[in-house]
Amino acid sequence: MCDVPLALPPVTGEPFKKLSIFFPMWNEEAYIGRAVGYAKEECELLMQRGEILDYELIVVDDASTDSTPQMADELAAADPHVKVVHHPVNRKLGGSIKTGFSAASGDLVLYSDADLPFDMAEVSRAVRLLRYYEADVVSAFRHDRTGEGSSRAIYTFFYNVLIRRLFGVRLRDINFAFKLCRTGIFEHIALQSEGSFIDAELIIRTKKLGYDVIQFGVDYFPRTRGVSTLASLGVIKTILREMFALRKELRGITPVAGTSS
């Protein structure tokens, strides 16, 4: 696992067949149009440059109670690249991410929060980095997190320290919602978390199985509408419970043949 340089030379090679981008959404009517629109714009650019042959944009509606479900269905009806999965009951972030990975049909898959905490133009860079370094996962970290407040930044710092101590995984900003993955890794990875620990679980399992993870930094754009609940007491309790359950399970996991440890 390594940080990579800001710029890379042009990369040649076979294009990826399809990029799947999915958005876990609960009551995101203020963001859904922008999220899907900018993702489509970036995917079209990737196709023009020959990086990918096709793409799909997946909205995972986590039993929203606002107009998100209707807006998602309208977007899907207007664009064959957009599809929607509706949860009949709320499954939280972990359940939504598992649904997104399951619904993705591309050989690459990326997920993002609906409020777009990063510039969608970074997706092109991540695709090139994954190809250039022959990585299995590209995970972004935020250059500057001051916009989200001091309490959240402190919580994140100690959370990352705890992950390092318990699992030996050194990754900056492990819970940031920007992870581009080769879908082949999910032949060996079955995510279990229902809560916000799922971001860390993905990286921990990936590293434990010997897959290659690289990182790069992005500018961060904090949420300006709605309220995030990811640092609530209930969320933290769920994270700790799932964290220690995974630590116990990992004792029986060995690297996949053909990967580096």
C-alpha atoms as a PDB file:
ATOM      1  CA  MET A   1       0.000   0.000   0.000  1.00  0.00           C
ATOM      2  CA  CYS A   2       1.493   3.314  -1.026  1.00  0.00           C
ATOM      3  CA  ASP A   3       0.735   6.906  -1.802  1.00  0.00           C
ATOM      4  CA  VAL A   4       1.161   7.797  -5.467  1.00  0.00           C
ATOM      5  CA  PRO A   5       2.372  10.930  -7.267  1.00  0.00           C
ATOM      6  CA  LEU A   6       0.044  13.716  -8.360  1.00  0.00           C
ATOM      7  CA  ALA A   7       0.630  13.263 -12.095  1.00  0.00           C
ATOM      8  CA  LEU A   8       1.183  10.249 -14.334  1.00  0.00           C
ATOM      9  CA  PRO A   9       2.258   9.841 -17.951  1.00  0.00           C
ATOM     10  CA  PRO A  10      -0.370   8.639 -20.454  1.00  0.00           C
ATOM     11  CA  VAL A  11      -1.262   4.978 -19.999  1.00  0.00           C
ATOM     12  CA  THR A  12      -1.913   2.633 -22.894  1.00  0.00           C
ATOM     13  CA  GLY A  13      -3.600  -0.739 -22.840  1.00  0.00           C
ATOM     14  CA  GLU A  14      -6.960  -2.434 -23.206  1.00  0.00           C
ATOM     15  CA  PRO A  15      -9.893  -0.392 -21.875  1.00  0.00           C
ATOM     16  CA  PHE A  16     -11.918  -1.663 -18.965  1.00  0.00           C
ATOM     17  CA  LYS A  17     -15.207  -3.182 -20.107  1.00  0.00           C
ATOM     18  CA  LYS A  18     -17.507  -1.320 -17.764  1.00  0.00           C
ATOM     19  CA  LEU A  19     -17.306   1.059 -14.812  1.00  0.00           C
ATOM     20  CA  SER A  20     -20.069   0.795 -12.238  1.00  0.00           C
ATOM     21  CA  ILE A  21     -20.591   3.764  -9.909  1.00  0.00           C
ATOM     22  CA  PHE A  22     -23.146   3.467  -7.143  1.00  0.00           C
ATOM     23  CA  PHE A  23     -24.553   5.895  -4.609  1.00  0.00           C
ATOM     24  CA  PRO A  24     -26.037   4.737  -1.282  1.00  0.00           C
ATOM     25  CA  MET A  25     -28.901   7.187  -0.652  1.00  0.00           C
ATOM     26  CA  TRP A  26     -31.235   7.880   2.205  1.00  0.00           C
ATOM     27  CA  ASN A  27     -33.300  11.071   1.848  1.00  0.00           C
ATOM     28  CA  GLU A  28     -30.941  12.678  -0.658  1.00  0.00           C
ATOM     29  CA  GLU A  29     -33.427  14.607  -2.797  1.00  0.00           C
ATOM     30  CA  ALA A  30     -31.191  17.682  -2.562  1.00  0.00           C
ATOM     31  CA  TYR A  31     -28.222  15.804  -4.052  1.00  0.00           C
ATOM     32  CA  ILE A  32     -29.421  12.983  -6.287  1.00  0.00           C
ATOM     33  CA  GLY A  33     -29.668  14.974  -9.520  1.00  0.00           C
ATOM     34  CA  ARG A  34     -26.239  16.520  -9.133  1.00  0.00           C
ATOM     35  CA  ALA A  35     -24.592  13.236  -8.127  1.00  0.00           C
ATOM     36  CA  VAL A  36     -25.945  11.233 -11.056  1.00  0.00           C
ATOM     37  CA  GLY A  37     -25.399  14.108 -13.501  1.00  0.00           C
ATOM     38  CA  TYR A  38     -21.747  14.650 -12.655  1.00  0.00           C
ATOM     39  CA  ALA A  39     -21.044  10.918 -12.576  1.00  0.00           C
ATOM     40  CA  LYS A  40     -22.550  10.570 -16.059  1.00  0.00           C
ATOM     41  CA  GLU A  41     -20.453  13.469 -17.332  1.00  0.00           C
ATOM     42  CA  GLU A  42     -17.248  11.886 -16.028  1.00  0.00           C
ATOM     43  CA  CYS A  43     -18.088   8.447 -17.391  1.00  0.00           C
ATOM     44  CA  GLU A  44     -18.779   9.890 -20.832  1.00  0.00           C
ATOM     45  CA  LEU A  45     -15.334  11.512 -20.771  1.00  0.00           C
ATOM     46  CA  LEU A  46     -13.754   8.192 -19.789  1.00  0.00           C
ATOM     47  CA  MET A  47     -15.443   6.534 -22.750  1.00  0.00           C
ATOM     48  CA  GLN A  48     -14.269   9.273 -25.123  1.00  0.00           C
ATOM     49  CA  ARG A  49     -10.685   8.751 -23.955  1.00  0.00           C
ATOM     50  CA  GLY A  50     -10.940   4.995 -24.423  1.00  0.00           C
ATOM     51  CA  GLU A  51     -10.458   4.186 -20.726  1.00  0.00           C
ATOM     52  CA  ILE A  52     -13.777   2.307 -20.463  1.00  0.00           C
ATOM     53  CA  LEU A  53     -16.202   0.830 -22.986  1.00  0.00           C
ATOM     54  CA  ASP A  54     -19.389   1.255 -20.987  1.00  0.00           C
ATOM     55  CA  TYR A  55     -20.708   2.413 -17.621  1.00  0.00           C
ATOM     56  CA  GLU A  56     -23.650   2.198 -15.272  1.00  0.00           C
ATOM     57  CA  LEU A  57     -24.822   4.480 -12.470  1.00  0.00           C
ATOM     58  CA  ILE A  58     -26.658   2.772  -9.627  1.00  0.00           C
ATOM     59  CA  VAL A  59     -28.802   4.499  -7.018  1.00  0.00           C
ATOM     60  CA  VAL A  60     -29.331   2.402  -3.898  1.00  0.00           C
ATOM     61  CA  ASP A  61     -32.418   3.905  -2.288  1.00  0.00           C
ATOM     62  CA  ASP A  62     -32.305   2.900   1.373  1.00  0.00           C
ATOM     63  CA  ALA A  63     -36.052   3.192   2.048  1.00  0.00           C
ATOM     64  CA  SER A  64     -35.993   6.982   1.752  1.00  0.00           C
ATOM     65  CA  THR A  65     -38.995   8.898   3.067  1.00  0.00           C
ATOM     66  CA  ASP A  66     -38.566  12.001   0.884  1.00  0.00           C
ATOM     67  CA  SER A  67     -38.788  12.227  -2.919  1.00  0.00           C
ATOM     68  CA  THR A  68     -35.496  10.367  -3.528  1.00  0.00           C
ATOM     69  CA  PRO A  69     -37.192   7.128  -4.715  1.00  0.00           C
ATOM     70  CA  GLN A  70     -39.373   8.931  -7.252  1.00  0.00           C
ATOM     71  CA  MET A  71     -36.504  11.087  -8.498  1.00  0.00           C
ATOM     72  CA  ALA A  72     -34.300   8.010  -8.882  1.00  0.00           C
ATOM     73  CA  ASP A  73     -36.939   6.193 -10.915  1.00  0.00           C
ATOM     74  CA  GLU A  74     -37.345   9.238 -13.169  1.00  0.00           C
ATOM     75  CA  LEU A  75     -33.599   9.374 -13.806  1.00  0.00           C
ATOM     76  CA  ALA A  76     -33.542   5.661 -14.655  1.00  0.00           C
ATOM     77  CA  ALA A  77     -36.518   6.019 -17.006  1.00  0.00           C
ATOM     78  CA  ALA A  78     -34.739   8.818 -18.869  1.00  0.00           C
ATOM     79  CA  ASP A  79     -31.297   7.181 -19.144  1.00  0.00           C
ATOM     80  CA  PRO A  80     -30.506   3.480 -19.760  1.00  0.00           C
ATOM     81  CA  HIS A  81     -27.170   3.917 -17.979  1.00  0.00           C
ATOM     82  CA  VAL A  82     -28.996   4.582 -14.696  1.00  0.00           C
ATOM     83  CA  LYS A  83     -30.588   1.869 -12.600  1.00  0.00           C
ATOM     84  CA  VAL A  84     -32.190   1.898  -9.167  1.00  0.00           C
ATOM     85  CA  VAL A  85     -32.380  -0.611  -6.348  1.00  0.00           C
ATOM     86  CA  HIS A  86     -35.014   0.128  -3.683  1.00  0.00           C
ATOM     87  CA  HIS A  87     -34.697  -1.270  -0.171  1.00  0.00           C
ATOM     88  CA  PRO A  88     -38.114  -2.082   1.320  1.00  0.00           C
ATOM     89  CA  VAL A  89     -36.664  -1.334   4.788  1.00  0.00           C
ATOM     90  CA  ASN A  90     -33.771   0.858   5.873  1.00  0.00           C
ATOM     91  CA  ARG A  91     -30.511  -1.118   5.955  1.00  0.00           C
ATOM     92  CA  LYS A  92     -28.090   1.687   6.877  1.00  0.00           C
ATOM     93  CA  LEU A  93     -24.827   2.417   5.122  1.00  0.00           C
ATOM     94  CA  GLY A  94     -23.366  -1.074   5.295  1.00  0.00           C
ATOM     95  CA  GLY A  95     -26.447  -2.719   3.864  1.00  0.00           C
ATOM     96  CA  SER A  96     -26.627  -0.149   1.069  1.00  0.00           C
ATOM     97  CA  ILE A  97     -22.979  -0.619   0.120  1.00  0.00           C
ATOM     98  CA  LYS A  98     -23.391  -4.393   0.022  1.00  0.00           C
ATOM     99  CA  THR A  99     -26.404  -3.961  -2.245  1.00  0.00           C
ATOM    100  CA  GLY A 100     -24.413  -1.650  -4.514  1.00  0.00           C
ATOM    101  CA  PHE A 101     -21.523  -4.076  -4.903  1.00  0.00           C
ATOM    102  CA  SER A 102     -23.967  -6.902  -5.560  1.00  0.00           C
ATOM    103  CA  ALA A 103     -25.859  -4.906  -8.214  1.00  0.00           C
ATOM    104  CA  ALA A 104     -22.698  -3.731 -10.035  1.00  0.00           C
ATOM    105  CA  SER A 105     -22.016  -5.539 -13.323  1.00  0.00           C
ATOM    106  CA  GLY A 106     -18.795  -3.768 -14.331  1.00  0.00           C
ATOM    107  CA  ASP A 107     -15.244  -5.036 -14.030  1.00  0.00           C
ATOM    108  CA  LEU A 108     -14.571  -1.835 -12.046  1.00  0.00           C
ATOM    109  CA  VAL A 109     -16.801  -0.479  -9.310  1.00  0.00           C
ATOM    110  CA  LEU A 110     -16.688   2.781  -7.363  1.00  0.00           C
ATOM    111  CA  TYR A 111     -18.998   4.098  -4.703  1.00  0.00           C
ATOM    112  CA  SER A 112     -19.530   7.631  -3.490  1.00  0.00           C
ATOM    113  CA  ASP A 113     -21.666   9.489  -0.997  1.00  0.00           C
ATOM    114  CA  ALA A 114     -24.522  11.323  -2.676  1.00  0.00           C
ATOM    115  CA  ASP A 115     -23.226  14.716  -1.529  1.00  0.00           C
ATOM    116  CA  LEU A 116     -20.085  14.255  -3.688  1.00  0.00           C
ATOM    117  CA  PRO A 117     -17.325  14.917  -1.121  1.00  0.00           C
ATOM    118  CA  PHE A 118     -14.772  14.921  -3.956  1.00  0.00           C
ATOM    119  CA  ASP A 119     -14.562  16.256  -7.507  1.00  0.00           C
ATOM    120  CA  MET A 120     -15.873  13.618  -9.915  1.00  0.00           C
ATOM    121  CA  ALA A 121     -12.926  14.445 -12.179  1.00  0.00           C
ATOM    122  CA  GLU A 122     -10.817  12.441  -9.706  1.00  0.00           C
ATOM    123  CA  VAL A 123     -12.453   9.249 -10.989  1.00  0.00           C
ATOM    124  CA  SER A 124     -10.444   9.435 -14.221  1.00  0.00           C
ATOM    125  CA  ARG A 125      -7.268   9.766 -12.204  1.00  0.00           C
ATOM    126  CA  ALA A 126      -8.194   6.779 -10.042  1.00  0.00           C
ATOM    127  CA  VAL A 127      -8.875   4.596 -13.096  1.00  0.00           C
ATOM    128  CA  ARG A 128      -5.479   5.496 -14.561  1.00  0.00           C
ATOM    129  CA  LEU A 129      -3.717   4.844 -11.258  1.00  0.00           C
ATOM    130  CA  LEU A 130      -5.360   1.448 -10.893  1.00  0.00           C
ATOM    131  CA  ARG A 131      -4.218   0.504 -14.393  1.00  0.00           C
ATOM    132  CA  TYR A 132      -0.739   2.052 -14.127  1.00  0.00           C
ATOM    133  CA  TYR A 133       0.112   0.414 -10.789  1.00  0.00           C
ATOM    134  CA  GLU A 134      -1.826  -2.805 -11.514  1.00  0.00           C
ATOM    135  CA  ALA A 135      -3.636  -2.300  -8.218  1.00  0.00           C
ATOM    136  CA  ASP A 136      -6.783  -4.027  -7.012  1.00  0.00           C
ATOM    137  CA  VAL A 137      -8.168  -1.076  -5.048  1.00  0.00           C
ATOM    138  CA  VAL A 138      -7.541   2.664  -5.235  1.00  0.00           C
ATOM    139  CA  SER A 139      -8.576   4.430  -2.040  1.00  0.00           C
ATOM    140  CA  ALA A 140      -8.624   8.226  -1.728  1.00  0.00           C
ATOM    141  CA  PHE A 141      -7.838  10.310   1.333  1.00  0.00           C
ATOM    142  CA  ARG A 142      -8.768  13.921   2.011  1.00  0.00           C
ATOM    143  CA  HIS A 143      -6.049  16.585   1.897  1.00  0.00           C
ATOM    144  CA  ASP A 144      -7.871  18.934   4.275  1.00  0.00           C
ATOM    145  CA  ARG A 145     -10.663  17.885   6.645  1.00  0.00           C
ATOM    146  CA  THR A 146     -11.084  21.114   8.598  1.00  0.00           C
ATOM    147  CA  GLY A 147     -14.378  21.806   6.843  1.00  0.00           C
ATOM    148  CA  GLU A 148     -16.161  19.007   8.693  1.00  0.00           C
ATOM    149  CA  GLY A 149     -15.422  20.353  12.183  1.00  0.00           C
ATOM    150  CA  SER A 150     -12.873  19.607  14.902  1.00  0.00           C
ATOM    151  CA  SER A 151     -14.888  16.942  16.740  1.00  0.00           C
ATOM    152  CA  ARG A 152     -15.363  14.834  13.614  1.00  0.00           C
ATOM    153  CA  ALA A 153     -11.671  15.213  12.704  1.00  0.00           C
ATOM    154  CA  ILE A 154     -10.619  14.048  16.188  1.00  0.00           C
ATOM    155  CA  TYR A 155     -13.000  11.085  16.026  1.00  0.00           C
ATOM    156  CA  THR A 156     -11.568  10.083  12.636  1.00  0.00           C
ATOM    157  CA  PHE A 157      -7.976  10.367  13.862  1.00  0.00           C
ATOM    158  CA  PHE A 158      -8.533   7.983  16.768  1.00  0.00           C
ATOM    159  CA  TYR A 159     -10.591   5.651  14.594  1.00  0.00           C
ATOM    160  CA  ASN A 160      -7.732   5.279  12.120  1.00  0.00           C
ATOM    161  CA  VAL A 161      -5.280   4.696  14.974  1.00  0.00           C
ATOM    162  CA  LEU A 162      -7.541   1.950  16.366  1.00  0.00           C
ATOM    163  CA  ILE A 163      -7.724   0.263  12.954  1.00  0.00           C
ATOM    164  CA  ARG A 164      -3.931   0.251  12.747  1.00  0.00           C
ATOM    165  CA  ARG A 165      -3.546  -1.203  16.234  1.00  0.00           C
ATOM    166  CA  LEU A 166      -6.163  -3.937  15.867  1.00  0.00           C
ATOM    167  CA  PHE A 167      -5.596  -4.978  12.248  1.00  0.00           C
ATOM    168  CA  GLY A 168      -2.141  -3.728  11.281  1.00  0.00           C
ATOM    169  CA  VAL A 169      -3.605  -1.793   8.338  1.00  0.00           C
ATOM    170  CA  ARG A 170      -2.011   1.597   7.772  1.00  0.00           C
ATOM    171  CA  LEU A 171      -4.328   3.622   5.585  1.00  0.00           C
ATOM    172  CA  ARG A 172      -5.056   7.321   5.665  1.00  0.00           C
ATOM    173  CA  ASP A 173      -8.717   8.241   6.034  1.00  0.00           C
ATOM    174  CA  ILE A 174      -9.955   4.661   5.819  1.00  0.00           C
ATOM    175  CA  ASN A 175     -13.651   5.580   6.039  1.00  0.00           C
ATOM    176  CA  PHE A 176     -13.647   8.026   3.137  1.00  0.00           C
ATOM    177  CA  ALA A 177     -16.246   7.089   0.509  1.00  0.00           C
ATOM    178  CA  PHE A 178     -13.958   6.807  -2.502  1.00  0.00           C
ATOM    179  CA  LYS A 179     -12.780   3.303  -3.210  1.00  0.00           C
ATOM    180  CA  LEU A 180     -12.342   2.108  -6.779  1.00  0.00           C
ATOM    181  CA  CYS A 181     -12.183  -1.699  -6.906  1.00  0.00           C
ATOM    182  CA  ARG A 182     -11.676  -4.447  -9.423  1.00  0.00           C
ATOM    183  CA  THR A 183     -14.835  -6.492  -9.012  1.00  0.00           C
ATOM    184  CA  GLY A 184     -12.846  -9.706  -9.217  1.00  0.00           C
ATOM    185  CA  ILE A 185     -11.806  -9.283  -5.588  1.00  0.00           C
ATOM    186  CA  PHE A 186     -15.386  -9.951  -4.510  1.00  0.00           C
ATOM    187  CA  GLU A 187     -15.039 -13.557  -5.589  1.00  0.00           C
ATOM    188  CA  HIS A 188     -13.142 -13.894  -2.300  1.00  0.00           C
ATOM    189  CA  ILE A 189     -14.579 -11.046  -0.208  1.00  0.00           C
ATOM    190  CA  ALA A 190     -18.020 -11.222   1.402  1.00  0.00           C
ATOM    191  CA  LEU A 191     -18.675  -8.062   3.394  1.00  0.00           C
ATOM    192  CA  GLN A 192     -20.608  -8.492   6.627  1.00  0.00           C
ATOM    193  CA  SER A 193     -20.921  -5.065   8.268  1.00  0.00           C
ATOM    194  CA  GLU A 194     -24.288  -3.332   8.318  1.00  0.00           C
ATOM    195  CA  GLY A 195     -22.924  -0.048   9.667  1.00  0.00           C
ATOM    196  CA  SER A 196     -20.198   2.465   8.856  1.00  0.00           C
ATOM    197  CA  PHE A 197     -17.432  -0.011   9.628  1.00  0.00           C
ATOM    198  CA  ILE A 198     -17.935  -1.471   6.163  1.00  0.00           C
ATOM    199  CA  ASP A 199     -15.370   0.921   4.606  1.00  0.00           C
ATOM    200  CA  ALA A 200     -12.668  -0.342   6.926  1.00  0.00           C
ATOM    201  CA  GLU A 201     -13.854  -3.936   6.591  1.00  0.00           C
ATOM    202  CA  LEU A 202     -13.424  -3.751   2.817  1.00  0.00           C
ATOM    203  CA  ILE A 203      -9.812  -2.556   3.084  1.00  0.00           C
ATOM    204  CA  ILE A 204      -8.921  -4.918   5.940  1.00  0.00           C
ATOM    205  CA  ARG A 205     -10.234  -7.973   4.089  1.00  0.00           C
ATOM    206  CA  THR A 206      -8.590  -6.827   0.852  1.00  0.00           C
ATOM    207  CA  LYS A 207      -5.197  -6.460   2.529  1.00  0.00           C
ATOM    208  CA  LYS A 208      -5.563  -9.687   4.519  1.00  0.00           C
ATOM    209  CA  LEU A 209      -6.201 -11.617   1.301  1.00  0.00           C
ATOM    210  CA  GLY A 210      -3.055 -10.161  -0.263  1.00  0.00           C
ATOM    211  CA  TYR A 211      -4.576  -7.761  -2.777  1.00  0.00           C
ATOM    212  CA  ASP A 212      -2.837  -4.490  -3.645  1.00  0.00           C
ATOM    213  CA  VAL A 213      -4.256  -1.216  -2.293  1.00  0.00           C
ATOM    214  CA  ILE A 214      -2.882   2.195  -3.262  1.00  0.00           C
ATOM    215  CA  GLN A 215      -3.889   5.683  -2.131  1.00  0.00           C
ATOM    216  CA  PHE A 216      -4.011   9.191  -3.506  1.00  0.00           C
ATOM    217  CA  GLY A 217      -5.143  12.510  -2.078  1.00  0.00           C
ATOM    218  CA  VAL A 218      -8.164  14.546  -3.160  1.00  0.00           C
ATOM    219  CA  ASP A 219      -9.642  17.893  -2.238  1.00  0.00           C
ATOM    220  CA  TYR A 220     -12.571  17.540   0.163  1.00  0.00           C
ATOM    221  CA  PHE A 221     -15.934  19.260  -0.147  1.00  0.00           C
ATOM    222  CA  PRO A 222     -18.044  18.940   3.028  1.00  0.00           C
ATOM    223  CA  ARG A 223     -21.797  18.436   2.975  1.00  0.00           C
ATOM    224  CA  THR A 224     -23.707  21.717   2.730  1.00  0.00           C
ATOM    225  CA  ARG A 225     -27.258  20.338   2.928  1.00  0.00           C
ATOM    226  CA  GLY A 226     -28.785  17.820   5.280  1.00  0.00           C
ATOM    227  CA  VAL A 227     -27.102  16.281   8.320  1.00  0.00           C
ATOM    228  CA  SER A 228     -24.585  13.447   8.522  1.00  0.00           C
ATOM    229  CA  THR A 229     -25.114  10.928  11.340  1.00  0.00           C
ATOM    230  CA  LEU A 230     -21.937   8.900  10.865  1.00  0.00           C
ATOM    231  CA  ALA A 231     -20.379  10.055  14.146  1.00  0.00           C
ATOM    232  CA  SER A 232     -23.457   9.473  16.327  1.00  0.00           C
ATOM    233  CA  LEU A 233     -23.216   7.342  19.472  1.00  0.00           C
ATOM    234  CA  GLY A 234     -25.317   4.566  17.947  1.00  0.00           C
ATOM    235  CA  VAL A 235     -23.118   4.416  14.865  1.00  0.00           C
ATOM    236  CA  ILE A 236     -19.957   4.282  16.980  1.00  0.00           C
ATOM    237  CA  LYS A 237     -21.333   1.395  19.079  1.00  0.00           C
ATOM    238  CA  THR A 238     -22.146  -0.564  15.924  1.00  0.00           C
ATOM    239  CA  ILE A 239     -18.678   0.096  14.518  1.00  0.00           C
ATOM    240  CA  LEU A 240     -16.988  -1.240  17.661  1.00  0.00           C
ATOM    241  CA  ARG A 241     -19.170  -4.367  17.728  1.00  0.00           C
ATOM    242  CA  GLU A 242     -18.481  -5.167  14.077  1.00  0.00           C
ATOM    243  CA  MET A 243     -14.815  -4.297  14.442  1.00  0.00           C
ATOM    244  CA  PHE A 244     -14.176  -6.878  17.157  1.00  0.00           C
ATOM    245  CA  ALA A 245     -16.283  -9.500  15.355  1.00  0.00           C
ATOM    246  CA  LEU A 246     -14.095  -9.092  12.249  1.00  0.00           C
ATOM    247  CA  ARG A 247     -10.891  -9.278  14.288  1.00  0.00           C
ATOM    248  CA  LYS A 248     -11.983 -12.663  15.600  1.00  0.00           C
ATOM    249  CA  GLU A 249     -12.955 -13.928  12.140  1.00  0.00           C
ATOM    250  CA  LEU A 250      -9.703 -12.864  10.461  1.00  0.00           C
ATOM    251  CA  ARG A 251      -7.681 -15.417  12.399  1.00  0.00           C
ATOM    252  CA  GLY A 252      -8.775 -18.050   9.890  1.00  0.00           C
ATOM    253  CA  ILE A 253      -8.206 -16.064   6.675  1.00  0.00           C
ATOM    254  CA  THR A 254      -5.138 -16.636   4.498  1.00  0.00           C
ATOM    255  CA  PRO A 255      -3.966 -14.756   1.357  1.00  0.00           C
ATOM    256  CA  VAL A 256      -5.447 -15.754  -2.004  1.00  0.00           C
ATOM    257  CA  ALA A 257      -3.078 -17.643  -4.277  1.00  0.00           C
ATOM    258  CA  GLY A 258      -1.440 -15.373  -6.812  1.00  0.00           C
ATOM    259  CA  THR A 259      -1.645 -12.194  -4.705  1.00  0.00           C
ATOM    260  CA  SER A 260       1.090 -10.507  -2.723  1.00  0.00           C
ATOM    261  CA  SER A 261       0.767 -10.205   1.033  1.00  0.00           C
END
